[in-house]
């Protein structure tokens, strides 16, 4: 399974990661690598329940990455 993940710089300097396909599936990390590791774990936990609708943001406010589960 492949899901898109958005990475954004948070106000505290951390990298915030969330998966648009899984509403409310959000985490953070000090680096992009740590944020991607954390979001992978969050997605795995999230998928134990039913996914919600996607939410949309302007394209210039995020970076899209793919991770394999």
Protein backbone atom coordinates (compact mmCIF):
# COMPACT_ATOMS: atom_id res chain seq x y z
CA UNK A 1 0.00 0.00 0.00
CA UNK A 2 1.26 3.48 -0.82
CA UNK A 3 -0.11 6.68 0.73
CA UNK A 4 0.88 10.28 0.20
CA UNK A 5 2.32 12.12 3.19
CA UNK A 6 2.60 15.89 3.57
CA UNK A 7 5.60 17.40 5.37
CA UNK A 8 5.48 20.97 6.68
CA UNK A 9 7.80 23.01 8.85
CA UNK A 10 6.08 23.67 12.18
CA UNK A 11 6.28 26.92 14.12
CA UNK A 12 8.54 25.22 16.69
CA UNK A 13 11.05 24.10 14.03
CA UNK A 14 9.89 20.50 13.97
CA UNK A 15 8.71 18.82 10.76
CA UNK A 16 4.98 18.07 10.88
CA UNK A 17 3.84 15.05 8.86
CA UNK A 18 0.29 14.09 8.01
CA UNK A 19 -1.50 11.85 5.59
CA UNK A 20 -4.29 13.69 3.70
CA UNK A 21 -6.14 10.43 3.00
CA UNK A 22 -6.40 9.74 6.74
CA UNK A 23 -8.00 12.76 8.39
CA UNK A 24 -6.41 13.54 11.72
CA UNK A 25 -3.40 11.25 11.15
CA UNK A 26 -0.65 13.69 12.19
CA UNK A 27 2.74 13.48 13.89
CA UNK A 28 6.06 15.32 13.91
CA UNK A 29 9.81 14.83 14.11
CA UNK A 30 13.00 16.83 14.47
CA UNK A 31 14.06 15.82 10.94
CA UNK A 32 12.21 14.71 7.79
CA UNK A 33 13.48 11.17 8.37
CA UNK A 34 12.15 11.11 11.94
CA UNK A 35 8.82 12.61 10.83
CA UNK A 36 8.47 9.95 8.09
CA UNK A 37 9.26 7.17 10.58
CA UNK A 38 6.68 8.58 12.99
CA UNK A 39 3.98 9.02 10.33
CA UNK A 40 4.48 5.43 9.16
CA UNK A 41 3.76 4.23 12.69
CA UNK A 42 0.80 6.62 13.00
CA UNK A 43 -0.67 5.35 9.70
CA UNK A 44 -0.34 1.74 10.81
CA UNK A 45 -2.20 2.56 14.04
CA UNK A 46 -4.78 4.69 12.21
CA UNK A 47 -5.58 1.87 9.78
CA UNK A 48 -6.77 -0.26 12.68
CA UNK A 49 -9.89 1.97 12.50
CA UNK A 50 -11.95 3.27 9.58
CA UNK A 51 -10.28 6.06 7.52
CA UNK A 52 -11.99 9.47 7.26
CA UNK A 53 -12.46 11.79 4.29
CA UNK A 54 -9.48 13.64 2.81
CA UNK A 55 -8.93 17.32 3.58
CA UNK A 56 -7.41 19.78 1.14
CA UNK A 57 -4.73 22.47 1.53
CA UNK A 58 -3.19 24.91 -0.95
CA UNK A 59 -0.37 23.20 -2.87
CA UNK A 60 2.27 25.77 -1.83
CA UNK A 61 1.81 24.89 1.88
CA UNK A 62 3.10 21.33 1.81
CA UNK A 63 5.54 18.78 0.40
CA UNK A 64 4.26 15.40 -0.82
CA UNK A 65 6.23 12.19 -0.19
CA UNK A 66 5.31 8.52 -0.61
CA UNK A 67 6.02 5.76 1.88
CA UNK A 68 5.46 2.03 1.48
CA UNK A 69 3.74 0.07 4.24
